[in-house]
Amino acid sequence: MVIEISGKSQFVEANGLRHHLLVYGEAEKGTVIMLPGITSPAATADFLAVPISEFGFRVVVPDLRGRGQTDIAPAGSYRIEDYAADVTGIVGALGITDQIVIGHSLGARIAAAYAVLHAPDGLRNLILVDPPTSGPDRGPYPTTQESFLSQMNEAKRGSSLEEVRRFYPKWPERELRLRLEVLPSCDETAVLETHANFQAEDFFPFWKKLTRPAILLRGAESPVVTPSAAADLAAANPTIPIIAIPGAGHMVPWDNFRGFFEVLTPVLTGGRKH
């Protein structure tokens, strides 16, 4: 069964690659750029992009380099700077001048680097969702390379719903089935190099340079942004609010969609400033 996706496919040339995007809605109130995680092609954000677009935003979700229908990049070019430059190129290709950036996991790291390295015009808000805090002298990323490879190989051979559910027990069935469909599009080198950089690259230098408006949302049960890691983040940059979403692990909006949107909605609509 093929899961229906509401976004319209679009391709742009940026930073030396052909990037595939899913685009939702019209930019009546600006553009929201959503940056997914390490093994999450753009289609996996459909359940988030649709309700966000209903607030009057155009929502743009790219397949990150080496995922989905975006070109596979040369080995050695899956550094955070490479991903951030991709975002800058996509924004320029689309002529975006009024933007909110939401990044989850790897996407949150990319979003922070994009804001710091490229200082984009018209960046209205930055929403980081459970960014990996692993890095030099900070311990490993909690999901191993072997676990990611196992999931990818199972999906390529045709794994069952029960098999994928053991990794994501709180997810709705639609999102589990969608993950099974799109996971085989993730290039192995892209995933392995990015995972290695979760240990080799330090998120904190970017985090320390962020200024408001920005917000960090973490899963209250996340093994990625643990209470200890959240305390380190707060100490490193006390100006950025850090909010825990109850009942959620690392895959925050998948685990607790309602709780995630209860925090996100006023940020998007201006109903409350954090």
C-alpha atoms as a PDB file:
ATOM      1  CA  MET A   1       0.000   0.000   0.000  1.00  0.00           C
ATOM      2  CA  VAL A   2       1.453   3.358  -1.076  1.00  0.00           C
ATOM      3  CA  ILE A   3       0.860   6.175   1.420  1.00  0.00           C
ATOM      4  CA  GLU A   4      -0.537   9.308  -0.199  1.00  0.00           C
ATOM      5  CA  ILE A   5       1.532  12.468   0.301  1.00  0.00           C
ATOM      6  CA  SER A   6      -0.023  15.931  -0.012  1.00  0.00           C
ATOM      7  CA  GLY A   7       3.109  17.914  -0.863  1.00  0.00           C
ATOM      8  CA  LYS A   8       3.966  18.904  -4.419  1.00  0.00           C
ATOM      9  CA  SER A   9       7.325  17.727  -5.723  1.00  0.00           C
ATOM     10  CA  GLN A  10       9.790  20.348  -6.896  1.00  0.00           C
ATOM     11  CA  PHE A  11      13.455  20.195  -7.880  1.00  0.00           C
ATOM     12  CA  VAL A  12      16.067  22.932  -7.544  1.00  0.00           C
ATOM     13  CA  GLU A  13      19.796  23.121  -8.251  1.00  0.00           C
ATOM     14  CA  ALA A  14      21.721  24.256  -5.176  1.00  0.00           C
ATOM     15  CA  ASN A  15      25.240  23.880  -3.846  1.00  0.00           C
ATOM     16  CA  GLY A  16      26.243  21.609  -6.710  1.00  0.00           C
ATOM     17  CA  LEU A  17      23.392  19.111  -6.247  1.00  0.00           C
ATOM     18  CA  ARG A  18      19.868  18.576  -7.548  1.00  0.00           C
ATOM     19  CA  HIS A  19      17.573  18.770  -4.533  1.00  0.00           C
ATOM     20  CA  HIS A  20      14.077  17.353  -4.268  1.00  0.00           C
ATOM     21  CA  LEU A  21      11.550  19.278  -2.196  1.00  0.00           C
ATOM     22  CA  LEU A  22       8.004  18.717  -1.042  1.00  0.00           C
ATOM     23  CA  VAL A  23       6.071  21.985  -0.982  1.00  0.00           C
ATOM     24  CA  TYR A  24       2.785  22.594   0.843  1.00  0.00           C
ATOM     25  CA  GLY A  25       0.422  25.573   0.860  1.00  0.00           C
ATOM     26  CA  GLU A  26       0.955  29.212  -0.029  1.00  0.00           C
ATOM     27  CA  ALA A  27       3.265  31.785   1.562  1.00  0.00           C
ATOM     28  CA  GLU A  28       0.525  34.100   2.828  1.00  0.00           C
ATOM     29  CA  LYS A  29       2.247  34.313   6.222  1.00  0.00           C
ATOM     30  CA  GLY A  30       5.752  33.389   5.095  1.00  0.00           C
ATOM     31  CA  THR A  31       7.641  30.149   4.529  1.00  0.00           C
ATOM     32  CA  VAL A  32       8.418  27.392   6.994  1.00  0.00           C
ATOM     33  CA  ILE A  33      11.477  25.312   6.108  1.00  0.00           C
ATOM     34  CA  MET A  34      11.422  21.894   7.754  1.00  0.00           C
ATOM     35  CA  LEU A  35      14.711  19.993   7.993  1.00  0.00           C
ATOM     36  CA  PRO A  36      14.378  16.257   8.731  1.00  0.00           C
ATOM     37  CA  GLY A  37      16.579  13.744  10.517  1.00  0.00           C
ATOM     38  CA  ILE A  38      19.315  11.345   9.518  1.00  0.00           C
ATOM     39  CA  THR A  39      17.082   8.638   8.001  1.00  0.00           C
ATOM     40  CA  SER A  40      13.950  10.715   7.385  1.00  0.00           C
ATOM     41  CA  PRO A  41      13.305  11.666   3.755  1.00  0.00           C
ATOM     42  CA  ALA A  42      10.956  14.606   3.197  1.00  0.00           C
ATOM     43  CA  ALA A  43       7.843  12.448   2.915  1.00  0.00           C
ATOM     44  CA  THR A  44       8.111  11.473   6.576  1.00  0.00           C
ATOM     45  CA  ALA A  45       7.281  15.071   7.555  1.00  0.00           C
ATOM     46  CA  ASP A  46       3.978  15.063   5.652  1.00  0.00           C
ATOM     47  CA  PHE A  47       1.919  14.676   8.840  1.00  0.00           C
ATOM     48  CA  LEU A  48       3.551  17.847  10.201  1.00  0.00           C
ATOM     49  CA  ALA A  49       3.737  19.900   7.017  1.00  0.00           C
ATOM     50  CA  VAL A  50       0.005  19.643   6.289  1.00  0.00           C
ATOM     51  CA  PRO A  51      -1.263  21.186   9.572  1.00  0.00           C
ATOM     52  CA  ILE A  52       1.490  23.811   9.566  1.00  0.00           C
ATOM     53  CA  SER A  53       0.512  24.880   6.034  1.00  0.00           C
ATOM     54  CA  GLU A  54      -3.073  25.330   7.243  1.00  0.00           C
ATOM     55  CA  PHE A  55      -1.891  28.297   9.341  1.00  0.00           C
ATOM     56  CA  GLY A  56      -1.199  30.120   6.064  1.00  0.00           C
ATOM     57  CA  PHE A  57       2.439  29.156   5.552  1.00  0.00           C
ATOM     58  CA  ARG A  58       4.190  27.693   2.576  1.00  0.00           C
ATOM     59  CA  VAL A  59       6.030  24.681   3.975  1.00  0.00           C
ATOM     60  CA  VAL A  60       9.168  23.469   2.205  1.00  0.00           C
ATOM     61  CA  VAL A  61      10.630  20.098   3.185  1.00  0.00           C
ATOM     62  CA  PRO A  62      13.820  18.991   1.394  1.00  0.00           C
ATOM     63  CA  ASP A  63      15.133  15.509   0.945  1.00  0.00           C
ATOM     64  CA  LEU A  64      18.550  16.004   2.523  1.00  0.00           C
ATOM     65  CA  ARG A  65      21.568  15.153   0.387  1.00  0.00           C
ATOM     66  CA  GLY A  66      21.774  11.408  -0.104  1.00  0.00           C
ATOM     67  CA  ARG A  67      18.115  10.816   0.802  1.00  0.00           C
ATOM     68  CA  GLY A  68      14.897  10.502  -1.159  1.00  0.00           C
ATOM     69  CA  GLN A  69      15.205  11.963  -4.655  1.00  0.00           C
ATOM     70  CA  THR A  70      18.018  14.405  -3.850  1.00  0.00           C
ATOM     71  CA  ASP A  71      21.423  13.659  -5.365  1.00  0.00           C
ATOM     72  CA  ILE A  72      23.924  11.546  -3.505  1.00  0.00           C
ATOM     73  CA  ALA A  73      26.907  13.713  -2.601  1.00  0.00           C
ATOM     74  CA  PRO A  74      30.550  12.619  -2.857  1.00  0.00           C
ATOM     75  CA  ALA A  75      32.007  10.772   0.102  1.00  0.00           C
ATOM     76  CA  GLY A  76      33.369  13.178   2.672  1.00  0.00           C
ATOM     77  CA  SER A  77      30.739  15.845   2.047  1.00  0.00           C
ATOM     78  CA  TYR A  78      28.214  15.083   4.758  1.00  0.00           C
ATOM     79  CA  ARG A  79      29.544  17.612   7.242  1.00  0.00           C
ATOM     80  CA  ILE A  80      27.235  20.030   9.010  1.00  0.00           C
ATOM     81  CA  GLU A  81      28.653  22.858   6.880  1.00  0.00           C
ATOM     82  CA  ASP A  82      27.686  20.975   3.716  1.00  0.00           C
ATOM     83  CA  TYR A  83      24.105  20.547   4.864  1.00  0.00           C
ATOM     84  CA  ALA A  84      23.850  24.181   5.969  1.00  0.00           C
ATOM     85  CA  ALA A  85      25.123  25.355   2.581  1.00  0.00           C
ATOM     86  CA  ASP A  86      22.439  23.229   0.932  1.00  0.00           C
ATOM     87  CA  VAL A  87      19.752  25.094   2.870  1.00  0.00           C
ATOM     88  CA  THR A  88      21.210  28.441   1.844  1.00  0.00           C
ATOM     89  CA  GLY A  89      21.219  27.330  -1.782  1.00  0.00           C
ATOM     90  CA  ILE A  90      17.625  26.104  -1.624  1.00  0.00           C
ATOM     91  CA  VAL A  91      16.457  29.322   0.037  1.00  0.00           C
ATOM     92  CA  GLY A  92      18.190  31.356  -2.680  1.00  0.00           C
ATOM     93  CA  ALA A  93      16.796  29.205  -5.482  1.00  0.00           C
ATOM     94  CA  LEU A  94      13.260  29.677  -4.162  1.00  0.00           C
ATOM     95  CA  GLY A  95      13.716  33.381  -3.409  1.00  0.00           C
ATOM     96  CA  ILE A  96      12.669  32.993   0.227  1.00  0.00           C
ATOM     97  CA  THR A  97      13.022  36.189   2.247  1.00  0.00           C
ATOM     98  CA  ASP A  98      10.641  35.556   5.171  1.00  0.00           C
ATOM     99  CA  GLN A  99      11.281  32.250   6.891  1.00  0.00           C
ATOM    100  CA  ILE A 100      10.796  30.129   9.969  1.00  0.00           C
ATOM    101  CA  VAL A 101      13.110  27.128  10.215  1.00  0.00           C
ATOM    102  CA  ILE A 102      12.138  23.949  12.059  1.00  0.00           C
ATOM    103  CA  GLY A 103      14.728  21.196  12.321  1.00  0.00           C
ATOM    104  CA  HIS A 104      14.441  17.788  13.955  1.00  0.00           C
ATOM    105  CA  SER A 105      17.481  15.798  15.135  1.00  0.00           C
ATOM    106  CA  LEU A 106      20.108  16.128  12.367  1.00  0.00           C
ATOM    107  CA  GLY A 107      17.836  18.817  10.930  1.00  0.00           C
ATOM    108  CA  ALA A 108      18.074  20.757  14.202  1.00  0.00           C
ATOM    109  CA  ARG A 109      21.860  20.706  14.000  1.00  0.00           C
ATOM    110  CA  ILE A 110      21.645  21.875  10.395  1.00  0.00           C
ATOM    111  CA  ALA A 111      19.213  24.647  11.325  1.00  0.00           C
ATOM    112  CA  ALA A 112      21.546  25.988  14.014  1.00  0.00           C
ATOM    113  CA  ALA A 113      24.557  25.896  11.684  1.00  0.00           C
ATOM    114  CA  TYR A 114      22.536  27.565   8.920  1.00  0.00           C
ATOM    115  CA  ALA A 115      21.535  30.403  11.256  1.00  0.00           C
ATOM    116  CA  VAL A 116      25.072  30.929  12.576  1.00  0.00           C
ATOM    117  CA  LEU A 117      27.128  30.416   9.420  1.00  0.00           C
ATOM    118  CA  HIS A 118      24.863  32.112   6.897  1.00  0.00           C
ATOM    119  CA  ALA A 119      22.914  34.656   8.977  1.00  0.00           C
ATOM    120  CA  PRO A 120      19.957  34.469   6.600  1.00  0.00           C
ATOM    121  CA  ASP A 121      17.817  37.529   5.956  1.00  0.00           C
ATOM    122  CA  GLY A 122      14.252  37.349   7.180  1.00  0.00           C
ATOM    123  CA  LEU A 123      14.803  34.522   9.679  1.00  0.00           C
ATOM    124  CA  ARG A 124      11.761  35.035  11.845  1.00  0.00           C
ATOM    125  CA  ASN A 125      12.178  32.087  14.188  1.00  0.00           C
ATOM    126  CA  LEU A 126      14.307  29.011  14.713  1.00  0.00           C
ATOM    127  CA  ILE A 127      12.774  25.887  16.257  1.00  0.00           C
ATOM    128  CA  LEU A 128      15.221  23.132  17.156  1.00  0.00           C
ATOM    129  CA  VAL A 129      13.699  19.752  18.020  1.00  0.00           C
ATOM    130  CA  ASP A 130      15.893  17.332  19.983  1.00  0.00           C
ATOM    131  CA  PRO A 131      19.272  18.058  18.334  1.00  0.00           C
ATOM    132  CA  PRO A 132      22.001  15.476  18.971  1.00  0.00           C
ATOM    133  CA  THR A 133      24.228  16.766  21.765  1.00  0.00           C
ATOM    134  CA  SER A 134      26.851  14.066  21.202  1.00  0.00           C
ATOM    135  CA  GLY A 135      30.291  15.121  20.048  1.00  0.00           C
ATOM    136  CA  PRO A 136      33.917  15.296  21.124  1.00  0.00           C
ATOM    137  CA  ASP A 137      34.150  14.551  24.854  1.00  0.00           C
ATOM    138  CA  ARG A 138      30.354  14.392  25.099  1.00  0.00           C
ATOM    139  CA  GLY A 139      29.721  10.693  24.556  1.00  0.00           C
ATOM    140  CA  PRO A 140      28.284   8.772  21.594  1.00  0.00           C
ATOM    141  CA  TYR A 141      24.980   9.214  19.838  1.00  0.00           C
ATOM    142  CA  PRO A 142      22.621   6.716  21.521  1.00  0.00           C
ATOM    143  CA  THR A 143      21.454   4.990  18.310  1.00  0.00           C
ATOM    144  CA  THR A 144      24.314   2.989  16.820  1.00  0.00           C
ATOM    145  CA  GLN A 145      25.346   2.732  13.186  1.00  0.00           C
ATOM    146  CA  GLU A 146      24.432  -0.949  13.377  1.00  0.00           C
ATOM    147  CA  SER A 147      20.880  -0.098  14.406  1.00  0.00           C
ATOM    148  CA  PHE A 148      20.440   2.314  11.488  1.00  0.00           C
ATOM    149  CA  LEU A 149      21.919  -0.215   9.051  1.00  0.00           C
ATOM    150  CA  SER A 150      19.635  -2.930  10.408  1.00  0.00           C
ATOM    151  CA  GLN A 151      16.578  -0.755   9.870  1.00  0.00           C
ATOM    152  CA  MET A 152      17.676   0.195   6.358  1.00  0.00           C
ATOM    153  CA  ASN A 153      18.467  -3.380   5.342  1.00  0.00           C
ATOM    154  CA  GLU A 154      15.191  -4.678   6.732  1.00  0.00           C
ATOM    155  CA  ALA A 155      13.258  -2.007   4.833  1.00  0.00           C
ATOM    156  CA  LYS A 156      15.101  -2.819   1.592  1.00  0.00           C
ATOM    157  CA  ARG A 157      14.260  -6.512   1.825  1.00  0.00           C
ATOM    158  CA  GLY A 158      10.661  -5.754   2.801  1.00  0.00           C
ATOM    159  CA  SER A 159      10.279  -5.729   6.579  1.00  0.00           C
ATOM    160  CA  SER A 160       6.970  -6.078   8.376  1.00  0.00           C
ATOM    161  CA  LEU A 161       5.046  -3.507  10.352  1.00  0.00           C
ATOM    162  CA  GLU A 162       5.869  -5.429  13.521  1.00  0.00           C
ATOM    163  CA  GLU A 163       9.597  -5.265  12.781  1.00  0.00           C
ATOM    164  CA  VAL A 164       9.664  -1.492  12.361  1.00  0.00           C
ATOM    165  CA  ARG A 165       7.342  -1.011  15.343  1.00  0.00           C
ATOM    166  CA  ARG A 166       9.977  -2.422  17.689  1.00  0.00           C
ATOM    167  CA  PHE A 167      12.087   0.681  16.955  1.00  0.00           C
ATOM    168  CA  TYR A 168       9.167   3.149  17.148  1.00  0.00           C
ATOM    169  CA  PRO A 169       6.519   1.684  19.473  1.00  0.00           C
ATOM    170  CA  LYS A 170       4.531   4.930  19.897  1.00  0.00           C
ATOM    171  CA  TRP A 171       4.099   5.759  16.213  1.00  0.00           C
ATOM    172  CA  PRO A 172       0.770   5.691  14.356  1.00  0.00           C
ATOM    173  CA  GLU A 173       0.503   2.923  11.764  1.00  0.00           C
ATOM    174  CA  ARG A 174       0.503   5.360   8.830  1.00  0.00           C
ATOM    175  CA  GLU A 175       3.874   6.780   9.835  1.00  0.00           C
ATOM    176  CA  LEU A 176       5.349   3.322  10.338  1.00  0.00           C
ATOM    177  CA  ARG A 177       4.225   2.264   6.866  1.00  0.00           C
ATOM    178  CA  LEU A 178       5.516   5.483   5.338  1.00  0.00           C
ATOM    179  CA  ARG A 179       8.915   4.973   6.938  1.00  0.00           C
ATOM    180  CA  LEU A 180       9.073   1.480   5.452  1.00  0.00           C
ATOM    181  CA  GLU A 181       8.363   2.948   2.007  1.00  0.00           C
ATOM    182  CA  VAL A 182      10.971   5.707   2.023  1.00  0.00           C
ATOM    183  CA  LEU A 183      13.791   4.348   4.186  1.00  0.00           C
ATOM    184  CA  PRO A 184      15.363   2.387   1.289  1.00  0.00           C
ATOM    185  CA  SER A 185      16.012   5.722  -0.467  1.00  0.00           C
ATOM    186  CA  CYS A 186      18.637   6.650   2.153  1.00  0.00           C
ATOM    187  CA  ASP A 187      22.174   6.191   0.862  1.00  0.00           C
ATOM    188  CA  GLU A 188      24.310   4.104   3.199  1.00  0.00           C
ATOM    189  CA  THR A 189      27.361   6.348   2.946  1.00  0.00           C
ATOM    190  CA  ALA A 190      25.248   9.418   3.686  1.00  0.00           C
ATOM    191  CA  VAL A 191      23.881   7.808   6.848  1.00  0.00           C
ATOM    192  CA  LEU A 192      27.184   6.355   8.070  1.00  0.00           C
ATOM    193  CA  GLU A 193      29.204   9.535   7.493  1.00  0.00           C
ATOM    194  CA  THR A 194      26.533  11.676   9.129  1.00  0.00           C
ATOM    195  CA  HIS A 195      26.361   9.340  12.096  1.00  0.00           C
ATOM    196  CA  ALA A 196      30.145   9.453  12.459  1.00  0.00           C
ATOM    197  CA  ASN A 197      29.940  13.245  12.460  1.00  0.00           C
ATOM    198  CA  PHE A 198      27.462  13.134  15.347  1.00  0.00           C
ATOM    199  CA  GLN A 199      30.541  12.126  17.339  1.00  0.00           C
ATOM    200  CA  ALA A 200      33.181  14.119  15.428  1.00  0.00           C
ATOM    201  CA  GLU A 201      31.361  17.473  15.203  1.00  0.00           C
ATOM    202  CA  ASP A 202      30.375  19.592  18.181  1.00  0.00           C
ATOM    203  CA  PHE A 203      26.922  21.170  18.223  1.00  0.00           C
ATOM    204  CA  PHE A 204      27.662  23.454  21.156  1.00  0.00           C
ATOM    205  CA  PRO A 205      29.738  26.113  19.318  1.00  0.00           C
ATOM    206  CA  PHE A 206      26.720  26.774  17.094  1.00  0.00           C
ATOM    207  CA  TRP A 207      24.295  26.606  20.008  1.00  0.00           C
ATOM    208  CA  LYS A 208      26.276  29.182  21.994  1.00  0.00           C
ATOM    209  CA  LYS A 209      26.014  31.712  19.152  1.00  0.00           C
ATOM    210  CA  LEU A 210      22.259  31.470  18.677  1.00  0.00           C
ATOM    211  CA  THR A 211      20.123  34.426  19.673  1.00  0.00           C
ATOM    212  CA  ARG A 212      16.400  34.849  20.096  1.00  0.00           C
ATOM    213  CA  PRO A 213      13.944  34.315  18.632  1.00  0.00           C
ATOM    214  CA  ALA A 214      14.768  30.646  18.909  1.00  0.00           C
ATOM    215  CA  ILE A 215      13.455  27.750  20.952  1.00  0.00           C
ATOM    216  CA  LEU A 216      14.549  24.185  21.664  1.00  0.00           C
ATOM    217  CA  LEU A 217      11.975  21.440  22.132  1.00  0.00           C
ATOM    218  CA  ARG A 218      13.097  18.118  23.567  1.00  0.00           C
ATOM    219  CA  GLY A 219      11.357  14.882  24.332  1.00  0.00           C
ATOM    220  CA  ALA A 220      10.996  14.526  28.090  1.00  0.00           C
ATOM    221  CA  GLU A 221      12.017  10.868  27.663  1.00  0.00           C
ATOM    222  CA  SER A 222      14.633  11.478  24.967  1.00  0.00           C
ATOM    223  CA  PRO A 223      17.930   9.574  25.134  1.00  0.00           C
ATOM    224  CA  VAL A 224      19.412  12.243  22.831  1.00  0.00           C
ATOM    225  CA  VAL A 225      18.704  15.407  24.812  1.00  0.00           C
ATOM    226  CA  THR A 226      18.689  13.963  28.301  1.00  0.00           C
ATOM    227  CA  PRO A 227      18.027  16.079  31.399  1.00  0.00           C
ATOM    228  CA  SER A 228      21.798  16.293  31.876  1.00  0.00           C
ATOM    229  CA  ALA A 229      22.313  17.392  28.256  1.00  0.00           C
ATOM    230  CA  ALA A 230      19.480  19.915  28.607  1.00  0.00           C
ATOM    231  CA  ALA A 231      21.221  21.359  31.669  1.00  0.00           C
ATOM    232  CA  ASP A 232      24.463  21.667  29.687  1.00  0.00           C
ATOM    233  CA  LEU A 233      22.598  23.434  26.883  1.00  0.00           C
ATOM    234  CA  ALA A 234      20.925  25.823  29.319  1.00  0.00           C
ATOM    235  CA  ALA A 235      24.259  26.661  30.907  1.00  0.00           C
ATOM    236  CA  ALA A 236      25.920  27.211  27.518  1.00  0.00           C
ATOM    237  CA  ASN A 237      23.175  29.524  26.232  1.00  0.00           C
ATOM    238  CA  PRO A 238      20.666  30.577  28.907  1.00  0.00           C
ATOM    239  CA  THR A 239      18.864  32.961  26.539  1.00  0.00           C
ATOM    240  CA  ILE A 240      17.197  30.183  24.482  1.00  0.00           C
ATOM    241  CA  PRO A 241      14.125  28.539  26.066  1.00  0.00           C
ATOM    242  CA  ILE A 242      14.252  24.750  26.386  1.00  0.00           C
ATOM    243  CA  ILE A 243      10.889  23.034  26.685  1.00  0.00           C
ATOM    244  CA  ALA A 244      10.302  19.333  27.388  1.00  0.00           C
ATOM    245  CA  ILE A 245       7.398  17.628  25.603  1.00  0.00           C
ATOM    246  CA  PRO A 246       5.892  15.031  27.967  1.00  0.00           C
ATOM    247  CA  GLY A 247       5.501  11.439  26.842  1.00  0.00           C
ATOM    248  CA  ALA A 248       7.939  11.860  23.960  1.00  0.00           C
ATOM    249  CA  GLY A 249      11.295  10.340  23.219  1.00  0.00           C
ATOM    250  CA  HIS A 250      13.673  11.549  20.513  1.00  0.00           C
ATOM    251  CA  MET A 251      11.031  11.374  17.756  1.00  0.00           C
ATOM    252  CA  VAL A 252       9.083  14.103  19.497  1.00  0.00           C
ATOM    253  CA  PRO A 253       6.142  14.923  17.171  1.00  0.00           C
ATOM    254  CA  TRP A 254       5.705  11.273  16.193  1.00  0.00           C
ATOM    255  CA  ASP A 255       5.562  10.227  19.846  1.00  0.00           C
ATOM    256  CA  ASN A 256       3.305  13.035  21.083  1.00  0.00           C
ATOM    257  CA  PHE A 257       1.763  14.953  18.200  1.00  0.00           C
ATOM    258  CA  ARG A 258      -0.715  16.866  20.358  1.00  0.00           C
ATOM    259  CA  GLY A 259       1.847  17.886  22.957  1.00  0.00           C
ATOM    260  CA  PHE A 260       4.254  19.024  20.254  1.00  0.00           C
ATOM    261  CA  PHE A 261       1.654  21.202  18.555  1.00  0.00           C
ATOM    262  CA  GLU A 262       0.475  22.695  21.829  1.00  0.00           C
ATOM    263  CA  VAL A 263       3.912  24.290  22.094  1.00  0.00           C
ATOM    264  CA  LEU A 264       4.522  24.876  18.388  1.00  0.00           C
ATOM    265  CA  THR A 265       1.210  26.569  17.530  1.00  0.00           C
ATOM    266  CA  PRO A 266       1.640  29.765  19.596  1.00  0.00           C
ATOM    267  CA  VAL A 267       5.236  30.068  18.390  1.00  0.00           C
ATOM    268  CA  LEU A 268       4.073  29.951  14.762  1.00  0.00           C
ATOM    269  CA  THR A 269       1.085  32.215  15.244  1.00  0.00           C
ATOM    270  CA  GLY A 270       2.689  34.737  17.569  1.00  0.00           C
ATOM    271  CA  GLY A 271       0.260  33.920  20.357  1.00  0.00           C
ATOM    272  CA  ARG A 272       3.068  33.591  22.852  1.00  0.00           C
ATOM    273  CA  LYS A 273       6.702  34.589  22.855  1.00  0.00           C
ATOM    274  CA  HIS A 274       9.160  32.242  24.538  1.00  0.00           C
END
